[in-house]
Amino acid sequence: MWNNEYWPLLIQAYLAKPEGIKSQWSRTAVDLAMELHLRPTDITDRLKTIDAHNSAPVERLLQHYKAHPRRLQRDTERLRHMSGFGDMAAFYDGVSTATHKFEALYRPVGGTPFTPAMLTILLDLYFRLVPATMVDSTPEVRDMAQRTGLTADQVVEALHIYLFIDPTARKGSNDELAAFSPLTPLCNATWHRLDNGNPAIVAQEARRYYEYYIAPVR
């Protein structure tokens, strides 16, 4: 639920380089939305309000903080240390189901370090590699690990599980391990959710998350 006391946090996001409106899929918008238990589109809409420079109170606040960046830092830190700030149990009372669903995409699931958004882009990576390159020495695997905060071994594990799930792939010696991995049901759910691993659907869905985990979508 929006509170006007949040404006300093929005101004801080607006002034973050590159200054201006941030995409709803950007790390800045997503992280702040999760912090405030709002939708990323709510964050983007308020960044547009700042950028329009047609709200006198918001414009005064923007110019004040641009002139006093240390005060902006102090005020945003104070907000984040307020009692109940960021407390899911307190904030979720009255929070929409859509917000719950959005936050779940970026939170680890099943006692693993993987999030649903990560599993989606890892499935997209699966379709961009061949089995022989699904190893920790492959540059794309190492790059994905670095950007998502996973280890290369964890990325490889997910790729091998998708290989196990894929009905068109040749089965290998690691099938028994994949069958009993706690990650398998999570990958399986991702596979079936995305039209039974339709590469075009997977790529379309993954594109939404690349800006957060990988790079801005052009």
Protein backbone atom coordinates (compact mmCIF):
# COMPACT_ATOMS: atom_id res chain seq x y z
CA MET A 1 0.00 0.00 0.00
CA TRP A 2 1.41 3.38 -1.04
CA ASN A 3 2.45 5.91 1.59
CA ASN A 4 3.60 9.44 0.76
CA GLU A 5 6.50 8.97 3.17
CA TYR A 6 8.03 6.72 0.48
CA TRP A 7 8.79 9.61 -1.89
CA PRO A 8 12.45 9.92 -0.79
CA LEU A 9 12.96 6.26 -1.77
CA LEU A 10 11.41 6.92 -5.18
CA ILE A 11 13.56 10.00 -5.68
CA GLN A 12 16.64 7.98 -4.73
CA ALA A 13 15.66 5.40 -7.35
CA TYR A 14 15.04 8.14 -9.91
CA LEU A 15 18.44 9.73 -9.28
CA ALA A 16 20.30 6.40 -9.43
CA LYS A 17 22.50 6.26 -12.52
CA PRO A 18 21.41 6.44 -15.23
CA GLU A 19 19.14 9.16 -13.84
CA GLY A 20 15.53 8.95 -14.92
CA ILE A 21 12.66 6.50 -15.25
CA LYS A 22 13.60 2.88 -14.67
CA SER A 23 11.96 -0.05 -16.45
CA GLN A 24 9.53 -2.14 -14.43
CA TRP A 25 11.88 -5.09 -15.02
CA SER A 26 15.02 -3.27 -13.83
CA ARG A 27 16.76 -4.32 -10.63
CA THR A 28 16.14 -0.84 -9.20
CA ALA A 29 12.36 -1.01 -9.70
CA VAL A 30 12.00 -4.67 -8.74
CA ASP A 31 14.07 -4.42 -5.55
CA LEU A 32 12.24 -1.29 -4.41
CA ALA A 33 8.86 -2.84 -5.22
CA MET A 34 9.73 -5.87 -3.12
CA GLU A 35 10.96 -3.63 -0.32
CA LEU A 36 7.70 -1.64 -0.29
CA HIS A 37 5.44 -4.59 -1.24
CA LEU A 38 4.17 -2.74 -4.29
CA ARG A 39 4.08 -3.79 -7.93
CA PRO A 40 7.01 -2.74 -10.14
CA THR A 41 4.53 -0.86 -12.32
CA ASP A 42 3.59 1.22 -9.26
CA ILE A 43 7.25 2.18 -8.89
CA THR A 44 7.58 3.03 -12.59
CA ASP A 45 4.39 5.13 -12.53
CA ARG A 46 5.72 7.23 -9.66
CA LEU A 47 9.09 7.61 -11.37
CA LYS A 48 7.15 8.99 -14.33
CA THR A 49 5.49 11.47 -11.98
CA ILE A 50 8.92 12.64 -10.84
CA ASP A 51 10.15 12.85 -14.42
CA ALA A 52 7.14 14.89 -15.57
CA HIS A 53 8.09 17.76 -13.18
CA ASN A 54 4.41 18.81 -12.97
CA SER A 55 3.69 18.00 -9.33
CA ALA A 56 4.82 20.98 -7.25
CA PRO A 57 5.33 19.07 -3.95
CA VAL A 58 7.26 16.25 -5.64
CA GLU A 59 9.34 18.70 -7.68
CA ARG A 60 10.29 20.66 -4.54
CA LEU A 61 11.33 17.44 -2.86
CA LEU A 62 13.35 16.38 -5.91
CA GLN A 63 15.23 19.67 -6.09
CA HIS A 64 15.80 19.65 -2.33
CA TYR A 65 17.38 16.21 -2.43
CA LYS A 66 19.41 16.95 -5.56
CA ALA A 67 20.91 19.88 -3.67
CA HIS A 68 21.43 17.83 -0.49
CA PRO A 69 22.36 14.23 -1.47
CA ARG A 70 23.60 13.40 2.03
CA ARG A 71 20.21 14.29 3.46
CA LEU A 72 18.57 12.01 0.90
CA GLN A 73 20.82 9.18 2.04
CA ARG A 74 20.05 9.89 5.67
CA ASP A 75 16.29 10.10 5.12
CA THR A 76 16.10 6.89 3.10
CA GLU A 77 18.16 5.05 5.73
CA ARG A 78 15.80 6.35 8.42
CA LEU A 79 12.79 5.09 6.47
CA ARG A 80 14.32 1.66 6.08
CA HIS A 81 14.95 1.43 9.81
CA MET A 82 11.41 2.39 10.76
CA SER A 83 9.51 -0.18 12.81
CA GLY A 84 7.71 -2.59 10.47
CA PHE A 85 9.38 -1.37 7.28
CA GLY A 86 9.84 -4.31 4.94
CA ASP A 87 8.07 -6.66 7.35
CA MET A 88 6.06 -8.99 5.12
CA ALA A 89 3.68 -10.07 7.88
CA ALA A 90 2.79 -6.46 8.63
CA PHE A 91 2.64 -5.22 5.05
CA TYR A 92 0.77 -8.14 3.47
CA ASP A 93 -2.45 -7.28 5.29
CA GLY A 94 -4.44 -5.77 2.41
CA VAL A 95 -1.70 -6.30 -0.20
CA SER A 96 -3.03 -7.56 -3.53
CA THR A 97 -2.65 -11.13 -4.75
CA ALA A 98 -0.84 -9.73 -7.81
CA THR A 99 1.86 -8.32 -5.55
CA HIS A 100 2.25 -11.66 -3.76
CA LYS A 101 2.65 -13.39 -7.14
CA PHE A 102 5.23 -10.88 -8.39
CA GLU A 103 7.39 -11.14 -5.26
CA ALA A 104 7.35 -14.93 -5.42
CA LEU A 105 9.11 -14.78 -8.80
CA TYR A 106 12.22 -13.30 -7.17
CA ARG A 107 12.30 -15.31 -3.94
CA PRO A 108 14.14 -18.66 -3.55
CA VAL A 109 11.87 -21.70 -3.63
CA GLY A 110 11.93 -25.24 -2.29
CA GLY A 111 14.80 -24.64 0.10
CA THR A 112 17.13 -23.94 -2.86
CA PRO A 113 18.97 -20.75 -3.92
CA PHE A 114 16.94 -20.72 -7.15
CA THR A 115 14.07 -18.33 -7.82
CA PRO A 116 11.31 -18.94 -10.41
CA ALA A 117 12.76 -16.06 -12.45
CA MET A 118 16.22 -17.70 -12.38
CA LEU A 119 14.80 -21.06 -13.42
CA THR A 120 13.13 -19.39 -16.38
CA ILE A 121 16.31 -17.78 -17.69
CA LEU A 122 18.22 -21.00 -17.03
CA LEU A 123 15.69 -22.84 -19.19
CA ASP A 124 16.27 -20.23 -21.88
CA LEU A 125 20.02 -20.85 -21.55
CA TYR A 126 19.35 -24.59 -21.86
CA PHE A 127 17.81 -24.03 -25.28
CA ARG A 128 20.80 -21.94 -26.35
CA LEU A 129 23.39 -24.61 -25.53
CA VAL A 130 24.04 -28.17 -26.65
CA PRO A 131 24.58 -30.93 -24.05
CA ALA A 132 28.34 -31.00 -24.56
CA THR A 133 28.59 -27.34 -23.53
CA MET A 134 26.52 -27.72 -20.34
CA VAL A 135 29.67 -27.76 -18.21
CA ASP A 136 31.15 -25.32 -15.71
CA SER A 137 33.95 -24.28 -18.08
CA THR A 138 31.56 -22.93 -20.74
CA PRO A 139 31.70 -19.10 -20.80
CA GLU A 140 27.89 -18.75 -20.95
CA VAL A 141 27.56 -20.97 -17.88
CA ARG A 142 30.19 -19.06 -15.91
CA ASP A 143 28.68 -15.72 -16.93
CA MET A 144 25.20 -16.85 -15.89
CA ALA A 145 26.55 -18.00 -12.52
CA GLN A 146 28.28 -14.68 -11.89
CA ARG A 147 25.25 -12.59 -12.78
CA THR A 148 22.68 -14.63 -10.87
CA GLY A 149 24.83 -15.22 -7.80
CA LEU A 150 24.72 -18.98 -8.30
CA THR A 151 27.78 -21.20 -8.63
CA ALA A 152 28.72 -22.66 -12.00
CA ASP A 153 27.96 -26.10 -10.57
CA GLN A 154 24.44 -24.99 -9.63
CA VAL A 155 23.85 -23.65 -13.13
CA VAL A 156 25.10 -26.93 -14.61
CA GLU A 157 22.84 -28.90 -12.27
CA ALA A 158 19.78 -27.00 -13.49
CA LEU A 159 20.79 -27.45 -17.14
CA HIS A 160 21.26 -31.21 -16.65
CA ILE A 161 17.86 -31.48 -14.98
CA TYR A 162 16.24 -29.72 -17.93
CA LEU A 163 18.09 -32.20 -20.14
CA PHE A 164 16.59 -35.01 -18.07
CA ILE A 165 13.09 -33.48 -18.33
CA ASP A 166 13.26 -32.74 -22.07
CA PRO A 167 11.44 -35.62 -23.82
CA THR A 168 13.33 -34.98 -27.05
CA ALA A 169 16.80 -35.21 -25.47
CA ARG A 170 18.96 -38.32 -25.33
CA LYS A 171 19.14 -39.67 -21.81
CA GLY A 172 22.52 -39.88 -20.08
CA SER A 173 24.43 -41.31 -17.16
CA ASN A 174 23.30 -38.56 -14.75
CA ASP A 175 19.61 -39.39 -15.07
CA GLU A 176 19.43 -41.20 -11.74
CA LEU A 177 20.88 -38.22 -9.89
CA ALA A 178 18.47 -35.85 -11.67
CA ALA A 179 15.50 -38.03 -10.83
CA PHE A 180 16.08 -37.58 -7.09
CA SER A 181 17.33 -33.99 -7.02
CA PRO A 182 15.18 -31.56 -4.97
CA LEU A 183 15.56 -29.17 -7.90
CA THR A 184 13.84 -31.53 -10.36
CA PRO A 185 10.22 -30.76 -9.36
CA LEU A 186 10.98 -27.04 -9.55
CA CYS A 187 12.48 -27.35 -13.03
CA ASN A 188 9.63 -29.63 -14.03
CA ALA A 189 7.08 -27.04 -12.91
CA THR A 190 8.90 -24.35 -14.90
CA TRP A 191 9.00 -26.58 -17.96
CA HIS A 192 5.26 -27.33 -17.88
CA ARG A 193 4.28 -23.77 -17.00
CA LEU A 194 6.02 -22.51 -20.13
CA ASP A 195 3.99 -24.53 -22.64
CA ASN A 196 5.93 -27.76 -22.03
CA GLY A 197 9.25 -26.14 -22.76
CA ASN A 198 8.26 -24.24 -25.89
CA PRO A 199 11.51 -22.37 -26.75
CA ALA A 200 9.68 -19.35 -28.15
CA ILE A 201 7.48 -19.01 -25.05
CA VAL A 202 10.48 -19.56 -22.78
CA ALA A 203 12.50 -16.86 -24.59
CA GLN A 204 9.60 -14.42 -24.36
CA GLU A 205 9.16 -15.02 -20.63
CA ALA A 206 12.90 -15.02 -19.91
CA ARG A 207 13.32 -11.68 -21.64
CA ARG A 208 11.36 -10.08 -18.80
CA TYR A 209 13.95 -11.19 -16.25
CA TYR A 210 17.14 -10.56 -18.18
CA GLU A 211 17.15 -6.90 -17.20
CA TYR A 212 17.20 -7.87 -13.53
CA TYR A 213 19.70 -10.73 -13.68
CA ILE A 214 21.63 -10.11 -16.86
CA ALA A 215 21.47 -6.74 -18.63
CA PRO A 216 18.97 -4.14 -19.89
CA VAL A 217 16.62 -5.47 -22.55
CA ARG A 218 17.00 -3.52 -25.77
